[in-house]
Protein backbone atom coordinates (compact mmCIF):
# COMPACT_ATOMS: atom_id res chain seq x y z
CA UNK A 1 30.16 -0.20 65.24
CA UNK A 2 29.87 -1.82 68.70
CA UNK A 3 30.92 1.30 70.60
CA UNK A 4 28.37 3.33 68.61
CA UNK A 5 25.66 0.97 69.86
CA UNK A 6 26.57 1.65 73.48
CA UNK A 7 26.60 5.40 72.88
CA UNK A 8 23.13 5.22 71.33
CA UNK A 9 21.79 3.29 74.30
CA UNK A 10 23.30 5.80 76.72
CA UNK A 11 21.34 8.65 75.10
CA UNK A 12 18.28 7.39 77.03
CA UNK A 13 20.23 6.64 80.20
CA UNK A 14 17.90 8.51 82.54
CA UNK A 15 15.14 6.01 81.75
CA UNK A 16 16.83 2.68 82.35
CA UNK A 17 16.91 0.42 85.37
CA UNK A 18 19.59 -2.28 85.80
CA UNK A 19 17.66 -5.29 84.53
CA UNK A 20 17.56 -7.66 81.57
CA UNK A 21 14.23 -9.47 81.29
CA UNK A 22 12.79 -12.40 79.39
CA UNK A 23 9.33 -12.28 77.83
CA UNK A 24 6.63 -14.92 77.54
CA UNK A 25 6.05 -15.66 73.89
CA UNK A 26 6.58 -14.74 70.24
CA UNK A 27 5.17 -11.24 70.68
CA UNK A 28 4.58 -8.87 73.55
CA UNK A 29 1.25 -9.28 75.31
CA UNK A 30 -0.75 -6.33 76.65
CA UNK A 31 0.42 -6.84 80.22
CA UNK A 32 4.06 -6.80 79.12
CA UNK A 33 3.56 -3.71 76.99
CA UNK A 34 2.04 -1.87 79.93
CA UNK A 35 4.73 -3.01 82.37
CA UNK A 36 7.74 -2.26 80.18
CA UNK A 37 6.37 1.07 78.94
CA UNK A 38 6.32 2.23 82.57
CA UNK A 39 9.46 0.41 83.71
CA UNK A 40 12.27 0.79 81.21
CA UNK A 41 14.92 -1.93 81.41
CA UNK A 42 18.32 -1.94 79.75
CA UNK A 43 17.42 -4.92 77.62
CA UNK A 44 15.79 -8.27 76.99
CA UNK A 45 16.97 -11.86 76.61
CA UNK A 46 15.31 -14.18 74.11
CA UNK A 47 14.75 -17.94 74.18
CA UNK A 48 13.35 -20.64 71.90
CA UNK A 49 9.84 -19.88 73.19
CA UNK A 50 10.13 -16.42 71.63
CA UNK A 51 11.21 -17.60 68.19
CA UNK A 52 9.39 -18.95 65.13
CA UNK A 53 11.29 -17.66 62.11
CA UNK A 54 13.41 -14.74 60.91
CA UNK A 55 10.60 -12.37 59.98
CA UNK A 56 8.73 -12.95 63.25
CA UNK A 57 11.89 -12.53 65.32
CA UNK A 58 12.88 -9.30 63.58
CA UNK A 59 9.37 -7.97 64.16
CA UNK A 60 9.70 -8.87 67.85
CA UNK A 61 13.07 -7.17 68.33
CA UNK A 62 11.78 -4.10 66.49
CA UNK A 63 8.80 -3.99 68.84
CA UNK A 64 11.07 -4.21 71.90
CA UNK A 65 13.10 -1.23 70.69
CA UNK A 66 9.95 0.71 69.88
CA UNK A 67 8.58 0.04 73.35
CA UNK A 68 11.82 1.29 74.96
CA UNK A 69 11.85 4.31 72.62
CA UNK A 70 15.28 3.61 71.18
CA UNK A 71 18.27 1.31 71.20
CA UNK A 72 18.62 -1.35 73.90
CA UNK A 73 20.53 -4.56 74.54
CA UNK A 74 18.90 -7.67 73.10
CA UNK A 75 20.57 -10.85 74.29
CA UNK A 76 20.46 -14.51 73.33
CA UNK A 77 22.37 -17.71 74.11
CA UNK A 78 23.63 -18.87 70.73
CA UNK A 79 26.68 -20.98 71.57
CA UNK A 80 26.20 -23.77 69.03
CA UNK A 81 25.42 -27.37 69.89
CA UNK A 82 22.60 -27.90 72.38
CA UNK A 83 22.59 -24.27 73.55
CA UNK A 84 21.20 -22.75 70.37
CA UNK A 85 18.02 -20.70 70.46
CA UNK A 86 18.06 -20.17 66.69
CA UNK A 87 17.48 -23.66 65.33
CA UNK A 88 17.43 -25.48 61.98
CA UNK A 89 15.91 -25.47 59.48
CA UNK A 90 15.39 -21.71 59.73
CA UNK A 91 19.02 -21.21 60.82
CA UNK A 92 22.23 -23.16 60.25
CA UNK A 93 23.41 -25.55 62.98
CA UNK A 94 26.74 -24.78 64.65
CA UNK A 95 29.22 -27.08 66.43
CA UNK A 96 29.75 -27.52 70.16
CA UNK A 97 32.67 -26.16 72.15
CA UNK A 98 33.97 -29.73 72.35
CA UNK A 99 34.29 -29.89 68.57
CA UNK A 100 36.71 -26.95 68.61
CA UNK A 101 38.53 -28.31 71.65
CA UNK A 102 39.13 -31.60 69.86
CA UNK A 103 40.24 -29.80 66.69
CA UNK A 104 42.61 -27.61 68.73
CA UNK A 105 44.44 -30.71 69.95
CA UNK A 106 45.12 -31.63 66.32
CA UNK A 107 45.61 -28.24 64.62
CA UNK A 108 45.54 -25.07 66.72
CA UNK A 109 45.64 -22.70 63.77
CA UNK A 110 42.73 -24.42 62.03
CA UNK A 111 40.70 -24.48 65.24
CA UNK A 112 41.21 -20.74 65.74
CA UNK A 113 40.25 -19.97 62.14
CA UNK A 114 37.16 -22.19 62.13
CA UNK A 115 35.96 -20.85 65.47
CA UNK A 116 36.42 -17.22 64.45
CA UNK A 117 34.52 -17.87 61.21
CA UNK A 118 31.86 -19.84 63.09
CA UNK A 119 31.09 -16.93 65.38
CA UNK A 120 31.22 -14.42 62.55
CA UNK A 121 28.44 -16.43 60.92
CA UNK A 122 26.51 -16.63 64.19
CA UNK A 123 26.87 -12.86 64.53
CA UNK A 124 25.50 -12.38 61.02
CA UNK A 125 22.48 -14.49 61.98
CA UNK A 126 21.93 -12.37 65.08
CA UNK A 127 22.35 -8.98 63.43
CA UNK A 128 19.85 -9.97 60.73
CA UNK A 129 17.12 -10.37 63.36
CA UNK A 130 18.05 -7.41 65.56
CA UNK A 131 20.06 -9.15 68.31
CA UNK A 132 23.22 -7.39 69.48
CA UNK A 133 24.54 -9.45 72.43
CA UNK A 134 25.43 -13.15 72.49
CA UNK A 135 25.90 -14.83 75.89
CA UNK A 136 29.07 -16.62 74.82
CA UNK A 137 31.84 -17.73 75.16
CA UNK A 138 31.70 -20.32 77.92
CA UNK A 139 35.10 -19.94 79.63
CA UNK A 140 34.54 -22.65 82.23
CA UNK A 141 37.36 -25.19 82.60
CA UNK A 142 36.46 -28.86 82.37
CA UNK A 143 37.41 -30.93 85.42
CA UNK A 144 36.63 -34.44 86.64
CA UNK A 145 33.68 -32.91 88.54
CA UNK A 146 32.16 -30.83 85.73
CA UNK A 147 28.41 -31.35 85.49
CA UNK A 148 26.89 -32.07 82.09
CA UNK A 149 25.08 -28.71 82.24
CA UNK A 150 28.48 -27.36 81.08
CA UNK A 151 29.90 -30.52 79.49
CA UNK A 152 30.36 -30.22 75.73
CA UNK A 153 29.77 -26.47 75.86
CA UNK A 154 33.29 -25.99 77.26
CA UNK A 155 36.46 -25.48 75.23
CA UNK A 156 38.52 -28.00 77.18
CA UNK A 157 40.40 -28.63 80.40
CA UNK A 158 43.44 -26.46 79.66
CA UNK A 159 42.98 -22.83 80.76
CA UNK A 160 45.34 -21.48 78.09
CA UNK A 161 43.47 -23.35 75.35
CA UNK A 162 40.14 -22.12 76.70
CA UNK A 163 41.51 -18.56 76.76
CA UNK A 164 42.74 -18.82 73.17
CA UNK A 165 39.50 -20.25 71.84
CA UNK A 166 37.40 -17.86 73.91
CA UNK A 167 39.27 -14.97 72.32
CA UNK A 168 38.32 -16.23 68.85
CA UNK A 169 34.66 -16.28 69.88
CA UNK A 170 34.83 -12.69 71.09
CA UNK A 171 36.73 -11.48 68.04
CA UNK A 172 34.34 -13.20 65.63
CA UNK A 173 31.26 -11.70 67.27
CA UNK A 174 32.72 -8.21 67.65
CA UNK A 175 33.86 -8.15 64.01
CA UNK A 176 30.17 -8.06 63.03
CA UNK A 177 29.00 -5.72 65.79
CA UNK A 178 27.72 -8.25 68.34
CA UNK A 179 28.92 -8.06 71.95
CA UNK A 180 30.05 -11.27 73.67
CA UNK A 181 29.32 -12.10 77.31
CA UNK A 182 32.10 -14.10 78.97
CA UNK A 183 30.65 -16.65 81.37
CA UNK A 184 30.35 -18.00 84.05
CA UNK A 185 32.76 -15.85 86.02
CA UNK A 186 34.76 -16.81 88.13
CA UNK A 187 34.22 -20.35 86.76
CA UNK A 188 31.54 -23.05 86.68
CA UNK A 189 33.75 -25.99 85.70
CA UNK A 190 34.14 -27.39 89.22
CA UNK A 191 30.40 -27.38 89.85
CA UNK A 192 29.21 -30.98 90.21
CA UNK A 193 25.49 -30.17 90.00
CA UNK A 194 23.21 -28.04 87.83
CA UNK A 195 22.79 -24.52 89.22
CA UNK A 196 19.43 -24.32 87.45
CA UNK A 197 18.23 -26.86 90.03
CA UNK A 198 20.47 -26.51 93.11
CA UNK A 199 23.48 -24.63 94.45
CA UNK A 200 26.87 -26.16 93.55
CA UNK A 201 29.48 -25.93 96.31
CA UNK A 202 33.21 -25.88 95.48
CA UNK A 203 35.92 -26.32 98.12
CA UNK A 204 38.97 -25.64 95.92
CA UNK A 205 41.48 -23.12 97.30
CA UNK A 206 41.74 -19.65 95.80
CA UNK A 207 45.37 -20.45 94.94
CA UNK A 208 44.32 -23.45 92.84
CA UNK A 209 41.46 -21.54 91.24
CA UNK A 210 43.90 -18.78 90.34
CA UNK A 211 46.16 -21.29 88.57
CA UNK A 212 43.32 -22.65 86.44
CA UNK A 213 39.71 -21.46 86.52
CA UNK A 214 40.43 -17.74 86.72
CA UNK A 215 42.93 -17.68 83.84
CA UNK A 216 40.50 -17.39 80.87
CA UNK A 217 38.57 -14.64 82.65
CA UNK A 218 41.80 -12.76 83.34
CA UNK A 219 42.89 -13.10 79.72
CA UNK A 220 39.54 -11.81 78.44
CA UNK A 221 38.91 -9.29 81.21
CA UNK A 222 38.83 -6.43 78.69
CA UNK A 223 35.50 -7.63 77.26
CA UNK A 224 32.49 -5.40 77.91
CA UNK A 225 30.15 -7.94 79.55
CA UNK A 226 30.49 -10.90 81.90
CA UNK A 227 27.94 -13.19 83.56
CA UNK A 228 28.37 -14.63 87.04
CA UNK A 229 28.30 -18.25 88.20
CA UNK A 230 25.70 -19.28 90.77
CA UNK A 231 28.31 -21.29 92.69
CA UNK A 232 29.40 -21.14 96.32
CA UNK A 233 33.20 -21.12 96.52
CA UNK A 234 33.97 -21.95 100.14
CA UNK A 235 37.48 -20.51 99.93
CA UNK A 236 36.03 -17.14 98.83
CA UNK A 237 32.80 -16.89 100.82
CA UNK A 238 31.51 -19.69 103.05
CA UNK A 239 27.95 -18.37 103.09
CA UNK A 240 27.08 -16.84 99.71
CA UNK A 241 27.27 -17.94 96.09
CA UNK A 242 29.42 -15.76 93.85
CA UNK A 243 26.50 -13.82 92.37
CA UNK A 244 25.50 -12.39 95.77
CA UNK A 245 28.93 -12.41 97.43
CA UNK A 246 30.80 -9.15 97.99
CA UNK A 247 33.97 -11.19 98.48
CA UNK A 248 33.52 -12.93 95.13
CA UNK A 249 32.66 -9.74 93.25
CA UNK A 250 35.67 -7.98 94.79
CA UNK A 251 37.81 -10.89 93.60
CA UNK A 252 36.30 -10.63 90.10
CA UNK A 253 36.97 -6.89 90.02
CA UNK A 254 40.45 -6.87 91.57
CA UNK A 255 42.16 -10.26 91.32
CA UNK A 256 40.68 -11.30 87.98
CA UNK A 257 40.60 -7.69 86.82
CA UNK A 258 37.17 -7.51 85.21
CA UNK A 259 36.07 -3.88 85.64
CA UNK A 260 33.31 -3.69 83.04
CA UNK A 261 29.61 -4.61 83.10
CA UNK A 262 28.85 -7.61 85.29
CA UNK A 263 25.43 -9.25 85.08
CA UNK A 264 24.01 -11.98 87.26
CA UNK A 265 23.05 -15.32 85.87
CA UNK A 266 19.28 -15.89 85.87
CA UNK A 267 17.63 -14.93 89.18
CA UNK A 268 14.96 -17.60 88.67
CA UNK A 269 17.48 -20.46 88.88
CA UNK A 270 17.09 -22.65 91.97
CA UNK A 271 20.67 -22.02 93.12
CA UNK A 272 19.45 -18.69 94.52
CA UNK A 273 16.99 -19.00 97.39
CA UNK A 274 14.78 -16.33 99.02
CA UNK A 275 12.34 -13.85 97.45
CA UNK A 276 12.98 -11.98 94.22
CA UNK A 277 13.12 -8.65 96.03
CA UNK A 278 15.79 -9.98 98.38
CA UNK A 279 17.72 -11.71 95.57
CA UNK A 280 17.72 -8.51 93.53
CA UNK A 281 19.01 -6.46 96.43
CA UNK A 282 21.66 -9.07 97.23
CA UNK A 283 22.91 -9.12 93.63
CA UNK A 284 23.21 -5.34 93.38
CA UNK A 285 24.59 -4.89 96.90
CA UNK A 286 27.29 -7.47 96.18
CA UNK A 287 28.50 -5.37 93.24
CA UNK A 288 26.85 -6.77 90.11
CA UNK A 289 25.74 -4.11 87.65
CA UNK A 290 22.71 -5.85 86.14
CA UNK A 291 20.18 -8.46 87.21
CA UNK A 292 19.08 -11.06 84.68
CA UNK A 293 15.61 -12.60 84.88
CA UNK A 294 14.71 -15.02 82.14
CA UNK A 295 11.43 -16.89 82.58
CA UNK A 296 9.03 -14.06 81.72
CA UNK A 297 7.00 -14.30 84.94
CA UNK A 298 5.25 -10.96 85.35
CA UNK A 299 4.80 -11.43 89.10
CA UNK A 300 8.52 -12.02 89.56
CA UNK A 301 9.48 -9.10 87.32
CA UNK A 302 7.21 -6.80 89.31
CA UNK A 303 8.92 -7.92 92.51
CA UNK A 304 12.34 -7.28 91.01
CA UNK A 305 11.35 -3.91 89.62
CA UNK A 306 10.03 -2.74 92.99
CA UNK A 307 13.56 -2.58 94.42
CA UNK A 308 15.57 -1.58 91.34
CA UNK A 309 17.40 1.76 91.45
CA UNK A 310 18.23 3.80 88.38
CA UNK A 311 21.54 3.07 86.74
CA UNK A 312 24.38 5.09 88.24
CA UNK A 313 26.66 7.54 86.47
CA UNK A 314 29.58 5.21 87.24
CA UNK A 315 27.75 2.48 85.32
CA UNK A 316 27.35 4.68 82.25
CA UNK A 317 31.00 5.69 82.30
CA UNK A 318 32.06 2.03 82.28
CA UNK A 319 29.32 1.14 79.79
CA UNK A 320 30.42 3.63 77.16
CA UNK A 321 34.19 3.86 77.62
């Protein structure tokens, strides 16, 4: 089912540019309709501001597909806990990553089963309203420095446990036709500040990162989508955060072994300085496949679009294989 989705999207491949955009509200406004009808993007990402109830949300996702004249990626962050865009009472609440981490320390088999079932149910919720990509699992390793922006979203401080639980998330989603996005590659767990507000800097050696932070991403490197971390790893690149670092992207591709579709985290986060045209060029030049822009600002999207190329044939080969 999932591979069929990617094939359907690729039928319109000549139209798409390498961007995933957010929109302003619960329906497309006239300015958005005009912009997106002229500037086809590969998909959209939805937030709480876009959501009222099931019928409204399904109408919105249908309208996004109609505007793009066919199948597209429609993303959401539905992790459970505090990162849940689909909220009660319209949707069921789901536990945090910490809940499953704590359960794993007591009964690994039960934790795996509950987590798989949890994400199957989440996937059912998403499919019902026309969403086909969930930006989960969080594969970041908890450390003594982990900022609360990750906090209880993580599956623990043991990379093998995080890998095991992350696999259950992916399997549960994929079993119902929803693609996971592993994040935040190559690891956000050592970040001591919130990359939404400022740039975290990590001085850990590559050797130590390889023995811990990289492990879950290596274990799940066969997944179709990954999202970068807006973190500067001094041992990888002293000047650039991972999202815009050729060194970091080369490490993700070769040392970690993730060869599939790599998207940036949100370009509007404060961890990335400079203009949106420059940020977009930096992201793509570093080796990311897609830029992600979430806040719905038309001015910013126009800046991004002005420097976007068309998606390459290499992209479509990796997208559909």
